[in-house]
Amino acid sequence: MDIHPIHTEAAYKATLKEILALMDSDPDLGTPEGNRLDILATLVQTYEAKYVPVTAPDPVEAIKFRMDQCGLTVKDLEPIIGKSNRVYEVLNRKRPLTLAMIRRLHQSLGIPADVLIAETAAG
């Protein structure tokens, strides 16, 4: 099977490329290819946990993600953020979130408060 730990960025990228090729062939679990995919994915997870920093999402992106997840519209956010023009201003980064908005977004949509209080990226 000739599999080795991932210690370099080049090895990481090569392993990702091999994983994608294996995923395209959609091997069954328990087959040599399926086992190889499972092992390589585990190696990549270990490498990423050690070397790839996880950054907190941008507050606006977190709101948009939750909207997408839950199938929400701007109209659905009005009770949380305010009238539709206010919702659009927040989503377009023209208006910052207020403390009251953050509390309501956290309570209503379950978005972690620490994500919502982070600095918003420039639009």
Protein backbone atom coordinates (compact mmCIF):
# COMPACT_ATOMS: atom_id res chain seq x y z
CA MET A 1 0.00 0.00 0.00
CA ASP A 2 3.06 2.27 0.52
CA ILE A 3 1.49 5.09 2.55
CA HIS A 4 3.58 7.54 4.57
CA PRO A 5 2.81 10.33 7.06
CA ILE A 6 2.37 13.80 5.58
CA HIS A 7 5.18 16.13 6.67
CA THR A 8 5.37 18.72 3.89
CA GLU A 9 3.06 21.00 1.95
CA ALA A 10 4.03 19.17 -1.26
CA ALA A 11 3.09 15.81 0.25
CA TYR A 12 -0.16 17.32 1.51
CA LYS A 13 -1.09 18.59 -1.96
CA ALA A 14 -0.13 15.30 -3.59
CA THR A 15 -2.26 13.40 -1.08
CA LEU A 16 -5.24 15.69 -1.71
CA LYS A 17 -4.85 15.07 -5.44
CA GLU A 18 -4.81 11.31 -4.89
CA ILE A 19 -7.88 11.55 -2.62
CA LEU A 20 -9.80 13.43 -5.32
CA ALA A 21 -8.89 10.78 -7.90
CA LEU A 22 -10.00 8.02 -5.54
CA MET A 23 -13.24 9.83 -4.76
CA ASP A 24 -13.98 10.12 -8.47
CA SER A 25 -13.77 6.33 -8.77
CA ASP A 26 -16.13 5.98 -5.76
CA PRO A 27 -14.56 2.83 -4.28
CA ASP A 28 -16.57 0.55 -2.04
CA LEU A 29 -15.70 0.35 1.66
CA GLY A 30 -13.46 -2.59 2.45
CA THR A 31 -11.86 -2.72 -0.99
CA PRO A 32 -8.16 -1.89 -1.35
CA GLU A 33 -9.06 1.45 -2.99
CA GLY A 34 -11.69 2.20 -0.34
CA ASN A 35 -9.21 1.42 2.43
CA ARG A 36 -6.56 3.59 0.78
CA LEU A 37 -9.02 6.49 0.55
CA ASP A 38 -9.95 6.08 4.22
CA ILE A 39 -6.31 6.03 5.34
CA LEU A 40 -5.31 8.99 3.16
CA ALA A 41 -8.27 11.03 4.42
CA THR A 42 -7.21 10.29 8.00
CA LEU A 43 -3.65 11.41 7.23
CA VAL A 44 -4.93 14.65 5.69
CA GLN A 45 -7.16 15.32 8.71
CA THR A 46 -4.18 14.82 11.02
CA TYR A 47 -1.97 17.12 8.93
CA GLU A 48 -4.66 19.82 8.73
CA ALA A 49 -5.30 19.68 12.48
CA LYS A 50 -1.62 20.31 13.07
CA TYR A 51 -0.66 22.74 10.30
CA VAL A 52 -3.74 24.42 8.80
CA PRO A 53 -5.10 27.18 11.02
CA VAL A 54 -8.85 27.45 11.36
CA THR A 55 -10.03 31.03 11.38
CA ALA A 56 -13.37 32.23 12.66
CA PRO A 57 -15.85 33.05 9.91
CA ASP A 58 -16.76 36.61 9.10
CA PRO A 59 -20.03 37.62 10.86
CA VAL A 60 -21.82 38.52 7.63
CA GLU A 61 -20.68 35.31 5.96
CA ALA A 62 -21.90 33.36 9.00
CA ILE A 63 -25.34 34.99 8.66
CA LYS A 64 -25.46 34.27 4.92
CA PHE A 65 -24.38 30.67 5.53
CA ARG A 66 -27.11 30.16 8.11
CA MET A 67 -29.65 31.76 5.76
CA ASP A 68 -28.60 29.31 3.06
CA GLN A 69 -28.67 26.36 5.47
CA CYS A 70 -32.16 27.18 6.72
CA GLY A 71 -33.59 28.49 3.44
CA LEU A 72 -34.16 31.94 4.98
CA THR A 73 -34.91 35.12 3.06
CA VAL A 74 -34.34 38.75 3.90
CA LYS A 75 -37.99 38.86 4.99
CA ASP A 76 -37.25 36.10 7.53
CA LEU A 77 -34.48 38.22 9.07
CA GLU A 78 -36.66 41.30 9.56
CA PRO A 79 -37.81 40.33 13.08
CA ILE A 80 -34.16 39.77 14.01
CA ILE A 81 -32.35 42.66 12.31
CA GLY A 82 -35.03 45.17 11.31
CA LYS A 83 -36.79 46.31 8.16
CA SER A 84 -35.60 44.88 4.85
CA ASN A 85 -33.45 47.92 4.05
CA ARG A 86 -31.61 47.40 7.36
CA VAL A 87 -31.12 43.70 6.61
CA TYR A 88 -29.67 44.55 3.18
CA GLU A 89 -27.36 47.16 4.75
CA VAL A 90 -26.02 44.56 7.19
CA LEU A 91 -25.64 41.88 4.52
CA ASN A 92 -23.86 44.35 2.22
CA ARG A 93 -21.59 45.51 5.08
CA LYS A 94 -22.95 49.04 4.98
CA ARG A 95 -24.16 48.85 8.60
CA PRO A 96 -22.50 47.06 11.52
CA LEU A 97 -24.37 44.63 13.72
CA THR A 98 -25.64 46.14 16.95
CA LEU A 99 -25.51 44.35 20.27
CA ALA A 100 -29.28 43.80 20.10
CA MET A 101 -28.96 42.29 16.60
CA ILE A 102 -26.15 40.03 17.77
CA ARG A 103 -28.23 38.79 20.68
CA ARG A 104 -31.26 38.12 18.48
CA LEU A 105 -29.17 36.39 15.77
CA HIS A 106 -27.57 34.22 18.42
CA GLN A 107 -30.88 33.32 20.07
CA SER A 108 -32.94 32.92 16.90
CA LEU A 109 -30.45 31.33 14.51
CA GLY A 110 -27.96 29.76 16.89
CA ILE A 111 -24.98 31.57 15.39
CA PRO A 112 -22.25 31.67 18.06
CA ALA A 113 -22.00 35.12 19.64
CA ASP A 114 -18.20 35.11 19.38
CA VAL A 115 -18.54 34.78 15.60
CA LEU A 116 -21.03 37.65 15.44
CA ILE A 117 -18.89 40.05 17.48
CA ALA A 118 -15.79 39.51 15.34
CA GLU A 119 -14.63 42.19 12.95
CA THR A 120 -16.47 42.15 9.63
CA ALA A 121 -14.27 41.84 6.56
CA ALA A 122 -14.31 44.74 4.13
CA GLY A 123 -16.98 44.29 1.50
